[in-house]
PDB file of N, CA and C in Angstrom:
ATOM      1  N   MET A   1     -32.605 -12.217  23.313  1.00  0.00           N
ATOM      2  CA  MET A   1     -32.806 -12.608  24.738  1.00  0.00           C
ATOM      3  C   MET A   1     -34.171 -13.843  24.799  1.00  0.00           C
ATOM      4  N   LYS A   2     -34.938 -13.624  23.919  1.00  0.00           N
ATOM      5  CA  LYS A   2     -36.027 -14.511  23.786  1.00  0.00           C
ATOM      6  C   LYS A   2     -35.171 -16.121  23.508  1.00  0.00           C
ATOM      7  N   SER A   3     -34.537 -16.040  22.660  1.00  0.00           N
ATOM      8  CA  SER A   3     -33.897 -17.236  21.964  1.00  0.00           C
ATOM      9  C   SER A   3     -33.303 -17.840  23.081  1.00  0.00           C
ATOM     10  N   SER A   4     -32.388 -17.152  24.022  1.00  0.00           N
ATOM     11  CA  SER A   4     -31.547 -17.697  24.838  1.00  0.00           C
ATOM     12  C   SER A   4     -32.485 -18.074  26.193  1.00  0.00           C
ATOM     13  N   GLY A   5     -33.266 -17.766  26.482  1.00  0.00           N
ATOM     14  CA  GLY A   5     -34.265 -17.805  27.628  1.00  0.00           C
ATOM     15  C   GLY A   5     -34.664 -19.145  27.546  1.00  0.00           C
ATOM     16  N   ALA A   6     -35.106 -19.954  26.665  1.00  0.00           N
ATOM     17  CA  ALA A   6     -35.685 -20.998  26.647  1.00  0.00           C
ATOM     18  C   ALA A   6     -34.766 -22.216  26.967  1.00  0.00           C
ATOM     19  N   GLN A   7     -33.703 -21.912  26.426  1.00  0.00           N
ATOM     20  CA  GLN A   7     -32.552 -23.014  26.521  1.00  0.00           C
ATOM     21  C   GLN A   7     -31.617 -22.819  27.477  1.00  0.00           C
ATOM     22  N   ASP A   8     -31.245 -21.328  27.867  1.00  0.00           N
ATOM     23  CA  ASP A   8     -30.281 -21.207  29.180  1.00  0.00           C
ATOM     24  C   ASP A   8     -30.882 -20.026  30.057  1.00  0.00           C
ATOM     25  N   LEU A   9     -31.473 -20.457  30.793  1.00  0.00           N
ATOM     26  CA  LEU A   9     -32.050 -19.722  31.834  1.00  0.00           C
ATOM     27  C   LEU A   9     -30.836 -18.579  32.543  1.00  0.00           C
ATOM     28  N   ASP A  10     -30.016 -19.216  32.755  1.00  0.00           N
ATOM     29  CA  ASP A  10     -28.649 -18.305  33.528  1.00  0.00           C
ATOM     30  C   ASP A  10     -28.377 -17.131  32.533  1.00  0.00           C
ATOM     31  N   THR A  11     -28.153 -17.424  31.121  1.00  0.00           N
ATOM     32  CA  THR A  11     -27.812 -16.445  30.449  1.00  0.00           C
ATOM     33  C   THR A  11     -29.023 -15.428  30.198  1.00  0.00           C
ATOM     34  N   ALA A  12     -29.961 -15.947  30.090  1.00  0.00           N
ATOM     35  CA  ALA A  12     -31.249 -14.873  30.109  1.00  0.00           C
ATOM     36  C   ALA A  12     -31.481 -14.059  31.362  1.00  0.00           C
ATOM     37  N   VAL A  13     -31.221 -14.392  32.447  1.00  0.00           N
ATOM     38  CA  VAL A  13     -31.392 -13.779  33.511  1.00  0.00           C
ATOM     39  C   VAL A  13     -30.088 -12.704  33.680  1.00  0.00           C
ATOM     40  N   LYS A  14     -28.988 -13.132  33.277  1.00  0.00           N
ATOM     41  CA  LYS A  14     -27.751 -12.212  33.185  1.00  0.00           C
ATOM     42  C   LYS A  14     -28.035 -10.936  32.159  1.00  0.00           C
ATOM     43  N   LEU A  15     -28.623 -11.283  31.167  1.00  0.00           N
ATOM     44  CA  LEU A  15     -28.960 -10.493  29.987  1.00  0.00           C
ATOM     45  C   LEU A  15     -30.239  -9.417  30.427  1.00  0.00           C
ATOM     46  N   ILE A  16     -31.066  -9.966  31.374  1.00  0.00           N
ATOM     47  CA  ILE A  16     -32.062  -9.203  32.121  1.00  0.00           C
ATOM     48  C   ILE A  16     -31.314  -8.353  32.825  1.00  0.00           C
ATOM     49  N   TRP A  17     -30.462  -8.683  33.905  1.00  0.00           N
ATOM     50  CA  TRP A  17     -29.905  -7.736  34.661  1.00  0.00           C
ATOM     51  C   TRP A  17     -29.086  -6.807  33.946  1.00  0.00           C
ATOM     52  N   GLU A  18     -28.401  -7.233  33.096  1.00  0.00           N
ATOM     53  CA  GLU A  18     -27.330  -6.069  32.272  1.00  0.00           C
ATOM     54  C   GLU A  18     -28.146  -4.784  31.504  1.00  0.00           C
ATOM     55  N   ARG A  19     -29.476  -5.330  31.238  1.00  0.00           N
ATOM     56  CA  ARG A  19     -30.336  -4.479  30.404  1.00  0.00           C
ATOM     57  C   ARG A  19     -30.751  -3.359  31.620  1.00  0.00           C
ATOM     58  N   LEU A  20     -31.452  -4.038  32.730  1.00  0.00           N
ATOM     59  CA  LEU A  20     -31.916  -3.291  33.751  1.00  0.00           C
ATOM     60  C   LEU A  20     -30.997  -2.067  34.120  1.00  0.00           C
ATOM     61  N   ASP A  21     -29.473  -3.032  34.309  1.00  0.00           N
ATOM     62  CA  ASP A  21     -28.448  -1.899  34.754  1.00  0.00           C
ATOM     63  C   ASP A  21     -28.554  -0.603  33.745  1.00  0.00           C
ATOM     64  N   GLU A  22     -28.147  -1.129  32.565  1.00  0.00           N
ATOM     65  CA  GLU A  22     -28.237  -0.086  31.842  1.00  0.00           C
ATOM     66  C   GLU A  22     -28.937   1.172  31.553  1.00  0.00           C
ATOM     67  N   LYS A  23     -30.486   0.883  31.753  1.00  0.00           N
ATOM     68  CA  LYS A  23     -31.396   1.526  31.777  1.00  0.00           C
ATOM     69  C   LYS A  23     -31.349   2.522  33.205  1.00  0.00           C
ATOM     70  N   TYR A  24     -31.372   1.738  34.191  1.00  0.00           N
ATOM     71  CA  TYR A  24     -31.671   2.441  35.517  1.00  0.00           C
ATOM     72  C   TYR A  24     -30.654   2.311  36.415  1.00  0.00           C
ATOM     73  N   GLY A  25     -29.604   1.623  36.035  1.00  0.00           N
ATOM     74  CA  GLY A  25     -28.116   1.885  36.835  1.00  0.00           C
ATOM     75  C   GLY A  25     -27.354   3.027  36.615  1.00  0.00           C
ATOM     76  N   THR A  26     -27.487   4.023  35.899  1.00  0.00           N
ATOM     77  CA  THR A  26     -26.661   5.077  35.454  1.00  0.00           C
ATOM     78  C   THR A  26     -26.544   5.858  36.879  1.00  0.00           C
ATOM     79  N   ILE A  27     -25.586   6.758  36.939  1.00  0.00           N
ATOM     80  CA  ILE A  27     -25.160   7.261  38.098  1.00  0.00           C
ATOM     81  C   ILE A  27     -26.165   8.683  38.331  1.00  0.00           C
ATOM     82  N   GLU A  28     -26.883   9.093  37.103  1.00  0.00           N
ATOM     83  CA  GLU A  28     -27.591  10.162  37.275  1.00  0.00           C
ATOM     84  C   GLU A  28     -29.173   9.386  38.312  1.00  0.00           C
ATOM     85  N   SER A  29     -29.446   8.424  37.385  1.00  0.00           N
ATOM     86  CA  SER A  29     -30.702   7.943  38.014  1.00  0.00           C
ATOM     87  C   SER A  29     -30.833   7.416  39.146  1.00  0.00           C
ATOM     88  N   VAL A  30     -29.496   6.539  39.809  1.00  0.00           N
ATOM     89  CA  VAL A  30     -29.569   6.199  40.987  1.00  0.00           C
ATOM     90  C   VAL A  30     -29.565   7.162  41.866  1.00  0.00           C
ATOM     91  N   HIS A  31     -28.581   8.270  41.907  1.00  0.00           N
ATOM     92  CA  HIS A  31     -28.603   9.458  42.600  1.00  0.00           C
ATOM     93  C   HIS A  31     -29.913  10.347  42.678  1.00  0.00           C
ATOM     94  N   ALA A  32     -30.626  10.408  41.523  1.00  0.00           N
ATOM     95  CA  ALA A  32     -31.909  11.301  41.636  1.00  0.00           C
ATOM     96  C   ALA A  32     -32.973  10.028  42.540  1.00  0.00           C
ATOM     97  N   ALA A  33     -32.990   8.891  42.294  1.00  0.00           N
ATOM     98  CA  ALA A  33     -33.832   8.063  43.205  1.00  0.00           C
ATOM     99  C   ALA A  33     -33.471   7.966  44.595  1.00  0.00           C
ATOM    100  N   VAL A  34     -32.085   8.021  44.999  1.00  0.00           N
ATOM    101  CA  VAL A  34     -31.864   8.110  46.505  1.00  0.00           C
ATOM    102  C   VAL A  34     -32.041   9.587  47.019  1.00  0.00           C
ATOM    103  N   MET A  35     -32.028  10.677  46.203  1.00  0.00           N
ATOM    104  CA  MET A  35     -32.350  11.973  46.678  1.00  0.00           C
ATOM    105  C   MET A  35     -33.815  12.146  46.815  1.00  0.00           C
ATOM    106  N   GLU A  36     -34.745  11.628  46.041  1.00  0.00           N
ATOM    107  CA  GLU A  36     -36.029  11.497  46.235  1.00  0.00           C
ATOM    108  C   GLU A  36     -36.434  10.792  47.479  1.00  0.00           C
ATOM    109  N   LYS A  37     -35.995   9.684  47.619  1.00  0.00           N
ATOM    110  CA  LYS A  37     -36.327   9.082  48.960  1.00  0.00           C
ATOM    111  C   LYS A  37     -35.981   9.818  49.998  1.00  0.00           C
ATOM    112  N   LEU A  38     -34.840  10.607  50.077  1.00  0.00           N
ATOM    113  CA  LEU A  38     -34.394  11.118  51.196  1.00  0.00           C
ATOM    114  C   LEU A  38     -35.148  12.508  51.514  1.00  0.00           C
ATOM    115  N   GLU A  39     -35.472  12.937  50.547  1.00  0.00           N
ATOM    116  CA  GLU A  39     -36.229  14.302  50.462  1.00  0.00           C
ATOM    117  C   GLU A  39     -38.004  13.960  50.943  1.00  0.00           C
ATOM    118  N   LYS A  40     -38.234  12.619  50.935  1.00  0.00           N
ATOM    119  CA  LYS A  40     -39.520  12.307  51.301  1.00  0.00           C
ATOM    120  C   LYS A  40     -39.814  12.189  52.602  1.00  0.00           C
ATOM    121  N   VAL A  41     -38.790  11.626  53.357  1.00  0.00           N
ATOM    122  CA  VAL A  41     -38.540  11.257  54.644  1.00  0.00           C
ATOM    123  C   VAL A  41     -39.181  12.535  55.370  1.00  0.00           C
ATOM    124  N   PRO A  42     -40.327  12.723  56.413  1.00  0.00           N
ATOM    125  CA  PRO A  42     -40.810  13.684  57.065  1.00  0.00           C
ATOM    126  C   PRO A  42     -39.642  13.538  58.297  1.00  0.00           C
ATOM    127  N   ARG A  43     -40.027  14.883  59.024  1.00  0.00           N
ATOM    128  CA  ARG A  43     -39.124  14.988  60.229  1.00  0.00           C
ATOM    129  C   ARG A  43     -39.662  13.987  61.260  1.00  0.00           C
ATOM    130  N   ILE A  44     -38.720  13.504  61.974  1.00  0.00           N
ATOM    131  CA  ILE A  44     -38.836  12.331  62.704  1.00  0.00           C
ATOM    132  C   ILE A  44     -38.398  12.690  64.076  1.00  0.00           C
ATOM    133  N   ASN A  45     -38.986  12.187  65.284  1.00  0.00           N
ATOM    134  CA  ASN A  45     -38.907  12.286  66.433  1.00  0.00           C
ATOM    135  C   ASN A  45     -38.441  10.989  66.997  1.00  0.00           C
ATOM    136  N   ALA A  46     -37.742  10.840  68.115  1.00  0.00           N
ATOM    137  CA  ALA A  46     -37.190   9.511  68.798  1.00  0.00           C
ATOM    138  C   ALA A  46     -38.066   8.700  68.841  1.00  0.00           C
ATOM    139  N   LYS A  47     -39.328   8.835  69.020  1.00  0.00           N
ATOM    140  CA  LYS A  47     -40.252   7.951  69.332  1.00  0.00           C
ATOM    141  C   LYS A  47     -41.070   7.060  68.193  1.00  0.00           C
ATOM    142  N   GLU A  48     -40.765   7.761  66.902  1.00  0.00           N
ATOM    143  CA  GLU A  48     -41.358   7.225  65.681  1.00  0.00           C
ATOM    144  C   GLU A  48     -40.496   6.196  65.228  1.00  0.00           C
ATOM    145  N   PHE A  49     -40.384   4.817  65.749  1.00  0.00           N
ATOM    146  CA  PHE A  49     -39.476   3.851  65.397  1.00  0.00           C
ATOM    147  C   PHE A  49     -39.669   3.471  64.024  1.00  0.00           C
ATOM    148  N   GLU A  50     -40.915   3.403  63.334  1.00  0.00           N
ATOM    149  CA  GLU A  50     -41.328   2.940  61.980  1.00  0.00           C
ATOM    150  C   GLU A  50     -40.476   3.776  61.020  1.00  0.00           C
ATOM    151  N   ARG A  51     -40.659   4.892  61.320  1.00  0.00           N
ATOM    152  CA  ARG A  51     -40.003   5.958  60.261  1.00  0.00           C
ATOM    153  C   ARG A  51     -38.260   6.097  60.486  1.00  0.00           C
ATOM    154  N   LEU A  52     -37.836   5.813  61.814  1.00  0.00           N
ATOM    155  CA  LEU A  52     -36.510   5.509  61.932  1.00  0.00           C
ATOM    156  C   LEU A  52     -36.045   4.539  60.931  1.00  0.00           C
ATOM    157  N   TYR A  53     -36.714   3.276  60.980  1.00  0.00           N
ATOM    158  CA  TYR A  53     -36.254   2.135  60.434  1.00  0.00           C
ATOM    159  C   TYR A  53     -36.413   2.424  58.804  1.00  0.00           C
ATOM    160  N   GLU A  54     -37.540   3.044  58.455  1.00  0.00           N
ATOM    161  CA  GLU A  54     -37.454   3.717  57.095  1.00  0.00           C
ATOM    162  C   GLU A  54     -36.184   4.501  56.433  1.00  0.00           C
ATOM    163  N   LEU A  55     -35.525   5.601  57.554  1.00  0.00           N
ATOM    164  CA  LEU A  55     -34.855   6.087  57.369  1.00  0.00           C
ATOM    165  C   LEU A  55     -33.179   5.349  57.401  1.00  0.00           C
ATOM    166  N   SER A  56     -33.659   4.190  58.008  1.00  0.00           N
ATOM    167  CA  SER A  56     -32.306   3.519  58.394  1.00  0.00           C
ATOM    168  C   SER A  56     -32.094   2.564  57.257  1.00  0.00           C
ATOM    169  N   ASP A  57     -33.067   2.203  56.433  1.00  0.00           N
ATOM    170  CA  ASP A  57     -33.220   1.369  55.344  1.00  0.00           C
ATOM    171  C   ASP A  57     -32.563   2.434  54.213  1.00  0.00           C
ATOM    172  N   ILE A  58     -32.933   3.571  54.008  1.00  0.00           N
ATOM    173  CA  ILE A  58     -32.401   4.362  52.928  1.00  0.00           C
ATOM    174  C   ILE A  58     -31.021   4.695  53.008  1.00  0.00           C
ATOM    175  N   LEU A  59     -30.501   4.920  54.302  1.00  0.00           N
ATOM    176  CA  LEU A  59     -29.169   5.239  54.568  1.00  0.00           C
ATOM    177  C   LEU A  59     -28.367   4.022  54.342  1.00  0.00           C
ATOM    178  N   LEU A  60     -28.983   2.866  54.622  1.00  0.00           N
ATOM    179  CA  LEU A  60     -28.222   1.542  54.429  1.00  0.00           C
ATOM    180  C   LEU A  60     -28.014   1.263  52.779  1.00  0.00           C
ATOM    181  N   GLU A  61     -28.933   1.931  52.086  1.00  0.00           N
ATOM    182  CA  GLU A  61     -28.896   1.691  50.655  1.00  0.00           C
ATOM    183  C   GLU A  61     -27.773   2.505  50.129  1.00  0.00           C
ATOM    184  N   ILE A  62     -27.694   3.595  50.739  1.00  0.00           N
ATOM    185  CA  ILE A  62     -27.033   4.866  50.295  1.00  0.00           C
ATOM    186  C   ILE A  62     -25.545   4.185  50.464  1.00  0.00           C
ATOM    187  N   ASN A  63     -25.293   3.661  51.839  1.00  0.00           N
ATOM    188  CA  ASN A  63     -24.138   3.080  52.220  1.00  0.00           C
ATOM    189  C   ASN A  63     -23.329   1.847  51.161  1.00  0.00           C
ATOM    190  N   THR A  64     -24.702   1.225  50.608  1.00  0.00           N
ATOM    191  CA  THR A  64     -24.196  -0.168  50.081  1.00  0.00           C
ATOM    192  C   THR A  64     -23.843   0.422  48.630  1.00  0.00           C
ATOM    193  N   LEU A  65     -24.654   1.489  48.184  1.00  0.00           N
ATOM    194  CA  LEU A  65     -24.088   1.990  46.647  1.00  0.00           C
ATOM    195  C   LEU A  65     -22.826   2.567  46.572  1.00  0.00           C
ATOM    196  N   LYS A  66     -22.468   3.279  47.814  1.00  0.00           N
ATOM    197  CA  LYS A  66     -21.016   3.989  47.781  1.00  0.00           C
ATOM    198  C   LYS A  66     -20.108   2.795  47.715  1.00  0.00           C
ATOM    199  N   GLU A  67     -20.397   1.619  48.018  1.00  0.00           N
ATOM    200  CA  GLU A  67     -19.203   0.772  47.872  1.00  0.00           C
ATOM    201  C   GLU A  67     -18.909   0.310  46.549  1.00  0.00           C
ATOM    202  N   LYS A  68     -20.017   0.582  45.688  1.00  0.00           N
ATOM    203  CA  LYS A  68     -19.653   0.064  44.178  1.00  0.00           C
ATOM    204  C   LYS A  68     -18.699   1.321  43.672  1.00  0.00           C
ATOM    205  N   GLU A  69     -17.813   0.864  43.129  1.00  0.00           N
ATOM    206  CA  GLU A  69     -16.805   1.752  42.527  1.00  0.00           C
ATOM    207  C   GLU A  69     -17.444   2.893  41.481  1.00  0.00           C
ATOM    208  N   THR A  70     -18.712   2.360  40.796  1.00  0.00           N
ATOM    209  CA  THR A  70     -19.316   3.383  39.792  1.00  0.00           C
ATOM    210  C   THR A  70     -20.026   4.509  40.718  1.00  0.00           C
ATOM    211  N   PHE A  71     -20.507   4.265  41.681  1.00  0.00           N
ATOM    212  CA  PHE A  71     -21.085   5.031  42.483  1.00  0.00           C
ATOM    213  C   PHE A  71     -20.442   5.752  43.441  1.00  0.00           C
ATOM    214  N   LYS A  72     -19.114   5.619  43.833  1.00  0.00           N
ATOM    215  CA  LYS A  72     -18.505   6.176  45.005  1.00  0.00           C
ATOM    216  C   LYS A  72     -18.225   7.611  45.036  1.00  0.00           C
ATOM    217  N   ALA A  73     -17.814   8.135  43.795  1.00  0.00           N
ATOM    218  CA  ALA A  73     -17.652   9.564  43.606  1.00  0.00           C
ATOM    219  C   ALA A  73     -18.891  10.264  43.771  1.00  0.00           C
ATOM    220  N   ALA A  74     -19.921   9.927  42.935  1.00  0.00           N
ATOM    221  CA  ALA A  74     -20.941  10.609  42.837  1.00  0.00           C
ATOM    222  C   ALA A  74     -21.837  10.601  44.160  1.00  0.00           C
ATOM    223  N   LEU A  75     -21.448   9.757  45.055  1.00  0.00           N
ATOM    224  CA  LEU A  75     -22.299   9.734  46.324  1.00  0.00           C
ATOM    225  C   LEU A  75     -21.484  10.015  47.523  1.00  0.00           C
ATOM    226  N   SER A  76     -20.233  10.230  47.411  1.00  0.00           N
ATOM    227  CA  SER A  76     -19.397  10.619  48.554  1.00  0.00           C
ATOM    228  C   SER A  76     -19.543  11.896  49.373  1.00  0.00           C
ATOM    229  N   TYR A  77     -20.499  12.535  48.727  1.00  0.00           N
ATOM    230  CA  TYR A  77     -20.768  13.920  49.610  1.00  0.00           C
ATOM    231  C   TYR A  77     -21.484  13.662  50.612  1.00  0.00           C
ATOM    232  N   PHE A  78     -22.306  12.376  50.713  1.00  0.00           N
ATOM    233  CA  PHE A  78     -23.028  11.847  51.949  1.00  0.00           C
ATOM    234  C   PHE A  78     -21.941  11.741  53.263  1.00  0.00           C
ATOM    235  N   ASP A  79     -20.908  11.659  52.939  1.00  0.00           N
ATOM    236  CA  ASP A  79     -19.873  11.450  54.053  1.00  0.00           C
ATOM    237  C   ASP A  79     -19.514  12.975  54.601  1.00  0.00           C
ATOM    238  N   SER A  80     -19.829  14.108  53.954  1.00  0.00           N
ATOM    239  CA  SER A  80     -19.546  15.315  54.389  1.00  0.00           C
ATOM    240  C   SER A  80     -20.408  15.852  55.235  1.00  0.00           C
ATOM    241  N   SER A  81     -20.164  17.148  55.961  1.00  0.00           N
ATOM    242  CA  SER A  81     -21.012  17.531  56.906  1.00  0.00           C
ATOM    243  C   SER A  81     -22.023  18.700  56.546  1.00  0.00           C
ATOM    244  N   LEU A  82     -21.671  18.987  55.004  1.00  0.00           N
ATOM    245  CA  LEU A  82     -22.477  20.066  54.355  1.00  0.00           C
ATOM    246  C   LEU A  82     -23.949  19.598  54.135  1.00  0.00           C
TER     247      LEU A  82
END
């Protein structure tokens, strides 16, 4: 990666993203991170707009992840009523 970084920045960036995805992009790690975020959300009332925005961001992240084929099945239970 060091050798390609100096001459070809695009290749270096691509390699960095691939390595990050390999290490942190596994289904298990993504699922654990999403669940941790959801578990940290405190009880919210309708007037706590800042917390509602935070929850909205988490739900948007989950929805975006569900669109990826890799995470679709693992996160599909968010669509159920259980």
